[in-house]
Amino acid sequence: MSGKPYHHGDLRRVLLTAAVQALTEAGPAKLSLRDLARRAGVSHAAPVHHFRDKAGLLTAVATEGFDLLADALVAAEGRTGDLLEIGVAYVRFAVDHRAYFEVMFRPELYHPADPRLLQARQHAGDSLRSGLAMLPGATTGDIPRQAGLAAWSIAHGFATLWLGGALPEEVGDDLEAAARPVLRLLFETG
């Protein structure tokens, strides 16, 4: 750094962006506040000032991830009105925003009782469940809860297997074309 003080207009945003970049490169286990400060060109005290600790930083990453996921799901519903396409949007989000996805569902990494995080998680869940209103019988009994859990499990499981490279080779390399028939199975009746 030069002799002039370094100033960021929105240091919190800069630190979050640097954290997502670091998570993309090495995952959450290797993330450190010291490295984050170096990447942002600030003192090591700056990340501590904004996030208190690594768990606080990862709480902010997870919160932002849940907000981005909710936005993607709402956009898919608005664009298509199709529950299947909401599921595809979930899988697409996981792959396109892997750094967030790898933190969001690992509550041991962050402060899971953080009010802002809880609000963002609820918003993402509501966004996923809102598409279930399209199902026959969706307003009676346990169908919404069970269908929501089934839809989330299938989309999340598919995304996790894709990201881990664990799917068979014959699935191919077109994410959406591979995900659609798997997600569609949830809504087929025997």
N, C-alpha and C. Protein backbone atom coordinates (compact mmCIF):
# COMPACT_ATOMS: atom_id res chain seq x y z
N MET A 1 0.84 -1.19 0.00
CA MET A 1 0.00 0.00 0.00
C MET A 1 0.88 1.24 0.00
N SER A 2 0.38 2.31 -0.56
CA SER A 2 1.10 3.57 -0.57
C SER A 2 0.97 4.25 0.78
N GLY A 3 1.61 5.40 0.94
CA GLY A 3 1.56 6.13 2.19
C GLY A 3 0.20 6.76 2.46
N LYS A 4 -0.64 6.90 1.44
CA LYS A 4 -1.97 7.49 1.62
C LYS A 4 -2.91 6.48 2.28
N PRO A 5 -3.83 6.94 3.12
CA PRO A 5 -4.80 6.00 3.69
C PRO A 5 -5.71 5.44 2.60
N TYR A 6 -6.00 4.17 2.72
CA TYR A 6 -6.85 3.50 1.76
C TYR A 6 -8.29 3.64 2.21
N HIS A 7 -9.17 4.07 1.29
CA HIS A 7 -10.55 4.29 1.68
C HIS A 7 -11.49 3.55 0.72
N HIS A 8 -12.43 2.84 1.29
CA HIS A 8 -13.46 2.16 0.51
C HIS A 8 -14.77 2.87 0.77
N GLY A 9 -15.55 3.06 -0.27
CA GLY A 9 -16.86 3.65 -0.09
C GLY A 9 -17.78 2.75 0.71
N ASP A 10 -17.70 1.44 0.47
CA ASP A 10 -18.53 0.47 1.17
C ASP A 10 -17.65 -0.72 1.51
N LEU A 11 -16.88 -0.58 2.57
CA LEU A 11 -15.91 -1.61 2.94
C LEU A 11 -16.59 -2.94 3.23
N ARG A 12 -17.75 -2.92 3.84
CA ARG A 12 -18.46 -4.17 4.13
C ARG A 12 -18.73 -4.93 2.83
N ARG A 13 -19.19 -4.23 1.79
CA ARG A 13 -19.46 -4.85 0.49
C ARG A 13 -18.17 -5.40 -0.12
N VAL A 14 -17.10 -4.62 -0.03
CA VAL A 14 -15.80 -5.04 -0.58
C VAL A 14 -15.34 -6.32 0.12
N LEU A 15 -15.50 -6.37 1.44
CA LEU A 15 -15.09 -7.56 2.20
C LEU A 15 -15.95 -8.77 1.84
N LEU A 16 -17.25 -8.57 1.68
CA LEU A 16 -18.12 -9.69 1.28
C LEU A 16 -17.75 -10.20 -0.12
N THR A 17 -17.48 -9.31 -1.03
CA THR A 17 -17.08 -9.70 -2.38
C THR A 17 -15.77 -10.48 -2.33
N ALA A 18 -14.82 -10.01 -1.54
CA ALA A 18 -13.54 -10.71 -1.39
C ALA A 18 -13.75 -12.08 -0.74
N ALA A 19 -14.67 -12.16 0.21
CA ALA A 19 -14.95 -13.44 0.87
C ALA A 19 -15.54 -14.44 -0.12
N VAL A 20 -16.46 -14.00 -0.96
CA VAL A 20 -17.06 -14.90 -1.96
C VAL A 20 -15.99 -15.38 -2.94
N GLN A 21 -15.09 -14.48 -3.31
CA GLN A 21 -14.00 -14.87 -4.21
C GLN A 21 -13.10 -15.91 -3.53
N ALA A 22 -12.76 -15.68 -2.27
CA ALA A 22 -11.92 -16.63 -1.52
C ALA A 22 -12.63 -17.97 -1.35
N LEU A 23 -13.93 -17.93 -1.08
CA LEU A 23 -14.70 -19.17 -0.93
C LEU A 23 -14.75 -19.93 -2.25
N THR A 24 -14.86 -19.22 -3.35
CA THR A 24 -14.88 -19.84 -4.67
C THR A 24 -13.55 -20.55 -4.93
N GLU A 25 -12.47 -19.93 -4.53
CA GLU A 25 -11.14 -20.48 -4.78
C GLU A 25 -10.80 -21.65 -3.88
N ALA A 26 -11.16 -21.57 -2.59
CA ALA A 26 -10.64 -22.56 -1.64
C ALA A 26 -11.67 -23.15 -0.69
N GLY A 27 -12.90 -22.67 -0.70
CA GLY A 27 -13.92 -23.20 0.20
C GLY A 27 -13.85 -22.59 1.58
N PRO A 28 -14.85 -22.88 2.41
CA PRO A 28 -14.95 -22.24 3.72
C PRO A 28 -13.86 -22.63 4.72
N ALA A 29 -13.31 -23.81 4.60
CA ALA A 29 -12.31 -24.26 5.58
C ALA A 29 -11.05 -23.39 5.55
N LYS A 30 -10.69 -22.89 4.39
CA LYS A 30 -9.44 -22.12 4.26
C LYS A 30 -9.64 -20.62 4.34
N LEU A 31 -10.87 -20.17 4.52
CA LEU A 31 -11.14 -18.75 4.61
C LEU A 31 -10.59 -18.20 5.92
N SER A 32 -9.88 -17.09 5.83
CA SER A 32 -9.39 -16.42 7.05
C SER A 32 -9.63 -14.92 6.94
N LEU A 33 -9.87 -14.30 8.08
CA LEU A 33 -10.09 -12.86 8.09
C LEU A 33 -8.81 -12.12 7.69
N ARG A 34 -7.66 -12.65 8.05
CA ARG A 34 -6.38 -12.03 7.68
C ARG A 34 -6.21 -12.00 6.16
N ASP A 35 -6.50 -13.13 5.50
CA ASP A 35 -6.41 -13.19 4.04
C ASP A 35 -7.44 -12.25 3.41
N LEU A 36 -8.61 -12.22 3.99
CA LEU A 36 -9.66 -11.33 3.50
C LEU A 36 -9.21 -9.87 3.55
N ALA A 37 -8.59 -9.47 4.64
CA ALA A 37 -8.08 -8.10 4.77
C ALA A 37 -7.01 -7.83 3.71
N ARG A 38 -6.13 -8.80 3.49
CA ARG A 38 -5.09 -8.64 2.47
C ARG A 38 -5.72 -8.46 1.09
N ARG A 39 -6.70 -9.27 0.77
CA ARG A 39 -7.37 -9.18 -0.53
C ARG A 39 -8.03 -7.81 -0.72
N ALA A 40 -8.60 -7.28 0.35
CA ALA A 40 -9.31 -6.00 0.27
C ALA A 40 -8.36 -4.81 0.40
N GLY A 41 -7.11 -5.08 0.77
CA GLY A 41 -6.15 -3.99 0.91
C GLY A 41 -6.38 -3.14 2.14
N VAL A 42 -6.83 -3.77 3.23
CA VAL A 42 -7.11 -3.05 4.47
C VAL A 42 -6.40 -3.74 5.63
N SER A 43 -6.42 -3.11 6.79
CA SER A 43 -5.80 -3.70 7.97
C SER A 43 -6.55 -4.95 8.40
N HIS A 44 -5.88 -5.83 9.18
CA HIS A 44 -6.58 -7.04 9.61
C HIS A 44 -7.69 -6.73 10.60
N ALA A 45 -7.70 -5.56 11.16
CA ALA A 45 -8.78 -5.19 12.08
C ALA A 45 -10.08 -4.87 11.35
N ALA A 46 -10.00 -4.50 10.08
CA ALA A 46 -11.20 -4.08 9.34
C ALA A 46 -12.27 -5.19 9.26
N PRO A 47 -11.91 -6.42 8.87
CA PRO A 47 -12.95 -7.46 8.85
C PRO A 47 -13.54 -7.74 10.24
N VAL A 48 -12.71 -7.67 11.26
CA VAL A 48 -13.18 -7.90 12.63
C VAL A 48 -14.17 -6.80 13.02
N HIS A 49 -13.87 -5.58 12.62
CA HIS A 49 -14.76 -4.46 12.92
C HIS A 49 -16.15 -4.68 12.30
N HIS A 50 -16.19 -5.20 11.07
CA HIS A 50 -17.46 -5.37 10.37
C HIS A 50 -18.20 -6.66 10.70
N PHE A 51 -17.44 -7.74 10.99
CA PHE A 51 -18.07 -9.06 11.14
C PHE A 51 -17.78 -9.76 12.47
N ARG A 52 -16.92 -9.20 13.28
CA ARG A 52 -16.52 -9.74 14.58
C ARG A 52 -15.62 -10.97 14.47
N ASP A 53 -16.03 -11.97 13.71
CA ASP A 53 -15.24 -13.19 13.58
C ASP A 53 -15.58 -13.88 12.27
N LYS A 54 -14.92 -15.00 12.01
CA LYS A 54 -15.15 -15.74 10.77
C LYS A 54 -16.61 -16.20 10.67
N ALA A 55 -17.19 -16.64 11.78
CA ALA A 55 -18.59 -17.06 11.77
C ALA A 55 -19.50 -15.89 11.43
N GLY A 56 -19.17 -14.70 11.90
CA GLY A 56 -19.96 -13.52 11.56
C GLY A 56 -19.88 -13.20 10.07
N LEU A 57 -18.70 -13.34 9.51
CA LEU A 57 -18.53 -13.13 8.07
C LEU A 57 -19.35 -14.16 7.29
N LEU A 58 -19.27 -15.42 7.69
CA LEU A 58 -20.00 -16.47 6.98
C LEU A 58 -21.52 -16.33 7.19
N THR A 59 -21.92 -15.74 8.30
CA THR A 59 -23.34 -15.44 8.51
C THR A 59 -23.80 -14.43 7.46
N ALA A 60 -22.99 -13.42 7.22
CA ALA A 60 -23.33 -12.41 6.21
C ALA A 60 -23.36 -13.04 4.81
N VAL A 61 -22.42 -13.94 4.53
CA VAL A 61 -22.40 -14.63 3.23
C VAL A 61 -23.66 -15.48 3.07
N ALA A 62 -24.00 -16.25 4.10
CA ALA A 62 -25.20 -17.10 4.03
C ALA A 62 -26.46 -16.26 3.88
N THR A 63 -26.54 -15.17 4.60
CA THR A 63 -27.70 -14.27 4.51
C THR A 63 -27.85 -13.75 3.09
N GLU A 64 -26.76 -13.26 2.53
CA GLU A 64 -26.80 -12.76 1.17
C GLU A 64 -27.17 -13.88 0.20
N GLY A 65 -26.66 -15.08 0.44
CA GLY A 65 -26.98 -16.22 -0.41
C GLY A 65 -28.46 -16.54 -0.40
N PHE A 66 -29.07 -16.56 0.79
CA PHE A 66 -30.50 -16.84 0.88
C PHE A 66 -31.32 -15.76 0.16
N ASP A 67 -30.87 -14.51 0.29
CA ASP A 67 -31.57 -13.43 -0.43
C ASP A 67 -31.46 -13.61 -1.95
N LEU A 68 -30.27 -13.96 -2.42
CA LEU A 68 -30.08 -14.18 -3.86
C LEU A 68 -30.89 -15.37 -4.34
N LEU A 69 -30.95 -16.43 -3.54
CA LEU A 69 -31.75 -17.59 -3.90
C LEU A 69 -33.23 -17.22 -4.00
N ALA A 70 -33.72 -16.49 -3.02
CA ALA A 70 -35.13 -16.05 -3.05
C ALA A 70 -35.40 -15.25 -4.32
N ASP A 71 -34.50 -14.34 -4.66
CA ASP A 71 -34.67 -13.54 -5.88
C ASP A 71 -34.73 -14.43 -7.12
N ALA A 72 -33.87 -15.44 -7.19
CA ALA A 72 -33.84 -16.34 -8.35
C ALA A 72 -35.13 -17.15 -8.45
N LEU A 73 -35.64 -17.61 -7.31
CA LEU A 73 -36.86 -18.41 -7.32
C LEU A 73 -38.08 -17.57 -7.68
N VAL A 74 -38.15 -16.36 -7.14
CA VAL A 74 -39.25 -15.45 -7.45
C VAL A 74 -39.22 -15.09 -8.94
N ALA A 75 -38.04 -14.84 -9.47
CA ALA A 75 -37.91 -14.50 -10.89
C ALA A 75 -38.35 -15.67 -11.76
N ALA A 76 -37.98 -16.89 -11.39
CA ALA A 76 -38.38 -18.06 -12.18
C ALA A 76 -39.89 -18.25 -12.14
N GLU A 77 -40.49 -18.06 -10.97
CA GLU A 77 -41.95 -18.19 -10.87
C GLU A 77 -42.64 -17.11 -11.71
N GLY A 78 -42.15 -15.89 -11.63
CA GLY A 78 -42.74 -14.80 -12.39
C GLY A 78 -42.58 -14.98 -13.89
N ARG A 79 -41.45 -15.52 -14.29
CA ARG A 79 -41.14 -15.70 -15.71
C ARG A 79 -41.92 -16.87 -16.31
N THR A 80 -42.09 -17.96 -15.52
CA THR A 80 -42.64 -19.18 -16.10
C THR A 80 -43.95 -19.64 -15.46
N GLY A 81 -44.17 -19.31 -14.18
CA GLY A 81 -45.35 -19.81 -13.47
C GLY A 81 -45.35 -21.32 -13.34
N ASP A 82 -44.18 -21.93 -13.39
CA ASP A 82 -44.04 -23.39 -13.45
C ASP A 82 -43.16 -23.87 -12.30
N LEU A 83 -43.70 -24.75 -11.47
CA LEU A 83 -42.95 -25.28 -10.33
C LEU A 83 -41.68 -26.00 -10.77
N LEU A 84 -41.76 -26.72 -11.88
CA LEU A 84 -40.58 -27.41 -12.40
C LEU A 84 -39.46 -26.40 -12.67
N GLU A 85 -39.80 -25.28 -13.27
CA GLU A 85 -38.78 -24.27 -13.60
C GLU A 85 -38.25 -23.58 -12.34
N ILE A 86 -39.05 -23.53 -11.29
CA ILE A 86 -38.55 -23.01 -10.01
C ILE A 86 -37.48 -23.96 -9.49
N GLY A 87 -37.73 -25.27 -9.62
CA GLY A 87 -36.73 -26.25 -9.22
C GLY A 87 -35.46 -26.14 -10.04
N VAL A 88 -35.60 -25.94 -11.33
CA VAL A 88 -34.43 -25.77 -12.20
C VAL A 88 -33.67 -24.50 -11.79
N ALA A 89 -34.40 -23.44 -11.44
CA ALA A 89 -33.74 -22.21 -10.98
C ALA A 89 -32.95 -22.45 -9.70
N TYR A 90 -33.47 -23.30 -8.82
CA TYR A 90 -32.75 -23.65 -7.58
C TYR A 90 -31.42 -24.33 -7.93
N VAL A 91 -31.49 -25.31 -8.82
CA VAL A 91 -30.27 -26.03 -9.21
C VAL A 91 -29.30 -25.08 -9.90
N ARG A 92 -29.81 -24.24 -10.79
CA ARG A 92 -28.96 -23.26 -11.49
C ARG A 92 -28.29 -22.32 -10.50
N PHE A 93 -29.06 -21.85 -9.49
CA PHE A 93 -28.48 -20.99 -8.46
C PHE A 93 -27.31 -21.69 -7.77
N ALA A 94 -27.50 -22.93 -7.38
CA ALA A 94 -26.45 -23.67 -6.66
C ALA A 94 -25.17 -23.74 -7.47
N VAL A 95 -25.30 -23.97 -8.76
CA VAL A 95 -24.12 -24.09 -9.61
C VAL A 95 -23.50 -22.72 -9.90
N ASP A 96 -24.34 -21.74 -10.19
CA ASP A 96 -23.82 -20.41 -10.52
C ASP A 96 -23.30 -19.64 -9.31
N HIS A 97 -23.78 -19.98 -8.12
CA HIS A 97 -23.39 -19.29 -6.89
C HIS A 97 -22.87 -20.30 -5.86
N ARG A 98 -21.95 -21.11 -6.31
CA ARG A 98 -21.46 -22.22 -5.50
C ARG A 98 -20.90 -21.77 -4.15
N ALA A 99 -20.17 -20.68 -4.13
CA ALA A 99 -19.58 -20.21 -2.87
C ALA A 99 -20.66 -19.95 -1.82
N TYR A 100 -21.73 -19.31 -2.23
CA TYR A 100 -22.85 -19.08 -1.31
C TYR A 100 -23.48 -20.41 -0.90
N PHE A 101 -23.79 -21.24 -1.89
CA PHE A 101 -24.48 -22.51 -1.67
C PHE A 101 -23.72 -23.39 -0.68
N GLU A 102 -22.40 -23.38 -0.77
CA GLU A 102 -21.60 -24.23 0.11
C GLU A 102 -21.57 -23.73 1.55
N VAL A 103 -21.99 -22.51 1.78
CA VAL A 103 -22.07 -21.96 3.14
C VAL A 103 -23.50 -22.01 3.67
N MET A 104 -24.47 -21.71 2.84
CA MET A 104 -25.86 -21.51 3.27
C MET A 104 -26.43 -22.68 4.06
N PHE A 105 -26.09 -23.88 3.69
CA PHE A 105 -26.69 -25.06 4.31
C PHE A 105 -25.72 -25.77 5.25
N ARG A 106 -24.80 -25.00 5.81
CA ARG A 106 -23.82 -25.52 6.78
C ARG A 106 -23.87 -24.65 8.03
N PRO A 107 -24.94 -24.76 8.83
CA PRO A 107 -25.11 -23.87 9.98
C PRO A 107 -24.00 -23.95 11.02
N GLU A 108 -23.19 -24.98 10.97
CA GLU A 108 -22.06 -25.05 11.90
C GLU A 108 -20.98 -24.01 11.56
N LEU A 109 -21.08 -23.41 10.38
CA LEU A 109 -20.10 -22.41 9.95
C LEU A 109 -20.44 -21.00 10.39
N TYR A 110 -21.71 -20.75 10.72
CA TYR A 110 -22.14 -19.38 10.97
C TYR A 110 -23.01 -19.31 12.21
N HIS A 111 -23.57 -18.14 12.47
CA HIS A 111 -24.45 -17.91 13.62
C HIS A 111 -25.89 -18.17 13.17
N PRO A 112 -26.40 -19.41 13.35
CA PRO A 112 -27.70 -19.76 12.78
C PRO A 112 -28.90 -19.04 13.40
N ALA A 113 -28.72 -18.41 14.55
CA ALA A 113 -29.84 -17.70 15.19
C ALA A 113 -29.84 -16.21 14.85
N ASP A 114 -28.95 -15.78 13.98
CA ASP A 114 -28.90 -14.37 13.59
C ASP A 114 -30.24 -13.95 12.99
N PRO A 115 -30.87 -12.90 13.50
CA PRO A 115 -32.21 -12.51 13.01
C PRO A 115 -32.26 -12.20 11.51
N ARG A 116 -31.27 -11.53 10.99
CA ARG A 116 -31.26 -11.20 9.56
C ARG A 116 -31.14 -12.48 8.72
N LEU A 117 -30.31 -13.42 9.17
CA LEU A 117 -30.16 -14.70 8.49
C LEU A 117 -31.49 -15.46 8.52
N LEU A 118 -32.14 -15.51 9.67
CA LEU A 118 -33.42 -16.21 9.79
C LEU A 118 -34.45 -15.62 8.85
N GLN A 119 -34.47 -14.31 8.73
CA GLN A 119 -35.41 -13.63 7.82
C GLN A 119 -35.11 -14.01 6.37
N ALA A 120 -33.84 -14.00 5.99
CA ALA A 120 -33.46 -14.33 4.61
C ALA A 120 -33.76 -15.80 4.31
N ARG A 121 -33.49 -16.68 5.25
CA ARG A 121 -33.78 -18.10 5.07
C ARG A 121 -35.29 -18.32 4.90
N GLN A 122 -36.08 -17.63 5.72
CA GLN A 122 -37.54 -17.74 5.63
C GLN A 122 -38.03 -17.24 4.27
N HIS A 123 -37.47 -16.15 3.80
CA HIS A 123 -37.85 -15.59 2.50
C HIS A 123 -37.55 -16.59 1.39
N ALA A 124 -36.38 -17.21 1.43
CA ALA A 124 -36.02 -18.20 0.41
C ALA A 124 -36.96 -19.40 0.49
N GLY A 125 -37.25 -19.86 1.69
CA GLY A 125 -38.18 -20.98 1.86
C GLY A 125 -39.57 -20.65 1.36
N ASP A 126 -40.05 -19.45 1.68
CA ASP A 126 -41.36 -19.02 1.20
C ASP A 126 -41.39 -18.95 -0.32
N SER A 127 -40.30 -18.51 -0.91
CA SER A 127 -40.22 -18.40 -2.36
C SER A 127 -40.28 -19.78 -3.02
N LEU A 128 -39.66 -20.76 -2.40
CA LEU A 128 -39.72 -22.12 -2.92
C LEU A 128 -41.12 -22.69 -2.75
N ARG A 129 -41.71 -22.48 -1.59
CA ARG A 129 -43.04 -23.04 -1.31
C ARG A 129 -44.16 -22.35 -2.09
N SER A 130 -43.97 -21.12 -2.49
CA SER A 130 -45.06 -20.41 -3.18
C SER A 130 -45.44 -21.10 -4.48
N GLY A 131 -44.50 -21.72 -5.14
CA GLY A 131 -44.80 -22.44 -6.37
C GLY A 131 -45.65 -23.68 -6.14
N LEU A 132 -45.66 -24.17 -4.92
CA LEU A 132 -46.43 -25.38 -4.61
C LEU A 132 -47.93 -25.15 -4.69
N ALA A 133 -48.36 -23.91 -4.64
CA ALA A 133 -49.79 -23.60 -4.75
C ALA A 133 -50.35 -24.07 -6.10
N MET A 134 -49.47 -24.34 -7.06
CA MET A 134 -49.90 -24.80 -8.37
C MET A 134 -50.30 -26.28 -8.37
N LEU A 135 -49.93 -27.01 -7.32
CA LEU A 135 -50.23 -28.44 -7.27
C LEU A 135 -51.68 -28.70 -6.91
N PRO A 136 -52.29 -29.72 -7.49
CA PRO A 136 -53.65 -30.08 -7.09
C PRO A 136 -53.66 -30.48 -5.62
N GLY A 137 -54.63 -29.98 -4.88
CA GLY A 137 -54.75 -30.32 -3.46
C GLY A 137 -53.75 -29.61 -2.58
N ALA A 138 -53.10 -28.59 -3.10
CA ALA A 138 -52.03 -27.92 -2.37
C ALA A 138 -52.50 -27.15 -1.14
N THR A 139 -53.78 -26.93 -1.00
CA THR A 139 -54.25 -26.16 0.15
C THR A 139 -54.87 -27.04 1.23
N THR A 140 -54.77 -28.36 1.09
CA THR A 140 -55.38 -29.24 2.08
C THR A 140 -54.34 -30.13 2.74
N GLY A 141 -54.58 -30.46 3.99
CA GLY A 141 -53.76 -31.42 4.71
C GLY A 141 -52.29 -31.08 4.76
N ASP A 142 -51.47 -32.13 4.72
CA ASP A 142 -50.02 -31.99 4.82
C ASP A 142 -49.35 -31.87 3.46
N ILE A 143 -50.13 -31.79 2.38
CA ILE A 143 -49.55 -31.78 1.04
C ILE A 143 -48.53 -30.65 0.87
N PRO A 144 -48.84 -29.40 1.25
CA PRO A 144 -47.84 -28.35 1.02
C PRO A 144 -46.52 -28.61 1.75
N ARG A 145 -46.60 -29.03 2.99
CA ARG A 145 -45.37 -29.28 3.76
C ARG A 145 -44.58 -30.43 3.16
N GLN A 146 -45.24 -31.54 2.87
CA GLN A 146 -44.56 -32.71 2.32
C GLN A 146 -44.05 -32.47 0.91
N ALA A 147 -44.87 -31.83 0.08
CA ALA A 147 -44.44 -31.54 -1.29
C ALA A 147 -43.28 -30.55 -1.29
N GLY A 148 -43.34 -29.57 -0.41
CA GLY A 148 -42.24 -28.61 -0.31
C GLY A 148 -40.94 -29.28 0.09
N LEU A 149 -41.01 -30.16 1.06
CA LEU A 149 -39.81 -30.88 1.51
C LEU A 149 -39.30 -31.79 0.39
N ALA A 150 -40.21 -32.47 -0.30
CA ALA A 150 -39.80 -33.34 -1.40
C ALA A 150 -39.15 -32.53 -2.53
N ALA A 151 -39.77 -31.41 -2.90
CA ALA A 151 -39.23 -30.58 -3.98
C ALA A 151 -37.85 -30.04 -3.61
N TRP A 152 -37.73 -29.55 -2.39
CA TRP A 152 -36.45 -29.02 -1.94
C TRP A 152 -35.40 -30.13 -1.91
N SER A 153 -35.76 -31.28 -1.39
CA SER A 153 -34.81 -32.39 -1.29
C SER A 153 -34.30 -32.82 -2.66
N ILE A 154 -35.19 -32.92 -3.62
CA ILE A 154 -34.78 -33.35 -4.95
C ILE A 154 -33.89 -32.30 -5.61
N ALA A 155 -34.31 -31.05 -5.57
CA ALA A 155 -33.51 -29.99 -6.21
C ALA A 155 -32.15 -29.84 -5.51
N HIS A 156 -32.16 -29.83 -4.19
CA HIS A 156 -30.92 -29.68 -3.43
C HIS A 156 -30.00 -30.88 -3.64
N GLY A 157 -30.59 -32.07 -3.59
CA GLY A 157 -29.79 -33.27 -3.79
C GLY A 157 -29.17 -33.32 -5.18
N PHE A 158 -29.95 -32.99 -6.19
CA PHE A 158 -29.42 -32.99 -7.55
C PHE A 158 -28.28 -31.98 -7.67
N ALA A 159 -28.50 -30.78 -7.14
CA ALA A 159 -27.46 -29.74 -7.21
C ALA A 159 -26.18 -30.19 -6.50
N THR A 160 -26.33 -30.80 -5.33
CA THR A 160 -25.17 -31.25 -4.56
C THR A 160 -24.42 -32.35 -5.32
N LEU A 161 -25.14 -33.28 -5.88
CA LEU A 161 -24.50 -34.35 -6.66
C LEU A 161 -23.80 -33.78 -7.89
N TRP A 162 -24.43 -32.82 -8.56
CA TRP A 162 -23.82 -32.18 -9.74
C TRP A 162 -22.52 -31.48 -9.35
N LEU A 163 -22.60 -30.68 -8.28
CA LEU A 163 -21.41 -29.93 -7.86
C LEU A 163 -20.28 -30.86 -7.42
N GLY A 164 -20.64 -32.00 -6.84
CA GLY A 164 -19.62 -32.96 -6.39
C GLY A 164 -19.09 -33.84 -7.50
N GLY A 165 -19.64 -33.71 -8.70
CA GLY A 165 -19.20 -34.55 -9.81
C GLY A 165 -19.58 -36.02 -9.60
N ALA A 166 -20.64 -36.27 -8.84
CA ALA A 166 -21.01 -37.63 -8.47
C ALA A 166 -22.08 -38.25 -9.36
N LEU A 167 -22.59 -37.50 -10.32
CA LEU A 167 -23.62 -38.06 -11.20
C LEU A 167 -22.97 -38.91 -12.30
N PRO A 168 -23.68 -39.92 -12.78
CA PRO A 168 -23.10 -40.76 -13.84
C PRO A 168 -22.82 -39.93 -15.10
N GLU A 169 -21.85 -40.36 -15.85
CA GLU A 169 -21.43 -39.64 -17.06
C GLU A 169 -22.56 -39.48 -18.07
N GLU A 170 -23.45 -40.48 -18.15
CA GLU A 170 -24.53 -40.41 -19.14
C GLU A 170 -25.53 -39.29 -18.87
N VAL A 171 -25.48 -38.67 -17.69
CA VAL A 171 -26.33 -37.52 -17.38
C VAL A 171 -26.00 -36.37 -18.33
N GLY A 172 -24.77 -36.31 -18.77
CA GLY A 172 -24.35 -35.27 -19.70
C GLY A 172 -23.85 -34.03 -19.01
N ASP A 173 -23.58 -32.99 -19.79
CA ASP A 173 -23.01 -31.78 -19.22
C ASP A 173 -23.92 -30.56 -19.34
N ASP A 174 -25.17 -30.77 -19.75
CA ASP A 174 -26.15 -29.68 -19.80
C ASP A 174 -26.96 -29.74 -18.51
N LEU A 175 -26.65 -28.85 -17.58
CA LEU A 175 -27.24 -28.87 -16.25
C LEU A 175 -28.76 -28.88 -16.29
N GLU A 176 -29.36 -27.94 -17.00
CA GLU A 176 -30.81 -27.82 -16.99
C GLU A 176 -31.48 -29.00 -17.68
N ALA A 177 -30.92 -29.48 -18.78
CA ALA A 177 -31.48 -30.64 -19.47
C ALA A 177 -31.38 -31.88 -18.60
N ALA A 178 -30.36 -31.98 -17.80
CA ALA A 178 -30.21 -33.12 -16.90
C ALA A 178 -31.15 -33.01 -15.70
N ALA A 179 -31.37 -31.80 -15.20
CA ALA A 179 -32.18 -31.61 -14.00
C ALA A 179 -33.67 -31.76 -14.26
N ARG A 180 -34.15 -31.30 -15.38
CA ARG A 180 -35.60 -31.28 -15.64
C ARG A 180 -36.27 -32.66 -15.51
N PRO A 181 -35.76 -33.72 -16.15
CA PRO A 181 -36.46 -35.01 -16.02
C PRO A 181 -36.41 -35.56 -14.60
N VAL A 182 -35.37 -35.27 -13.87
CA VAL A 182 -35.27 -35.73 -12.49
C VAL A 182 -36.29 -34.98 -11.63
N LEU A 183 -36.35 -33.68 -11.77
CA LEU A 183 -37.30 -32.88 -11.00
C LEU A 183 -38.74 -33.20 -11.39
N ARG A 184 -38.97 -33.48 -12.65
CA ARG A 184 -40.32 -33.79 -13.14
C ARG A 184 -40.88 -35.05 -12.47
N LEU A 185 -40.04 -35.98 -12.09
CA LEU A 185 -40.49 -37.22 -11.45
C LEU A 185 -41.31 -36.95 -10.18
N LEU A 186 -41.01 -35.87 -9.52
CA LEU A 186 -41.73 -35.52 -8.29
C LEU A 186 -43.22 -35.33 -8.55
N PHE A 187 -43.59 -34.86 -9.72
CA PHE A 187 -44.97 -34.48 -9.98
C PHE A 187 -45.72 -35.48 -10.86
N GLU A 188 -45.06 -36.54 -11.26
CA GLU A 188 -45.75 -37.56 -12.04
C GLU A 188 -46.53 -38.47 -11.12
N THR A 189 -47.70 -38.87 -11.53
CA THR A 189 -48.50 -39.79 -10.72
C THR A 189 -48.45 -41.16 -11.36
N GLY A 190 -48.51 -42.17 -10.53
CA GLY A 190 -48.41 -43.55 -11.03
C GLY A 190 -49.70 -44.01 -11.42
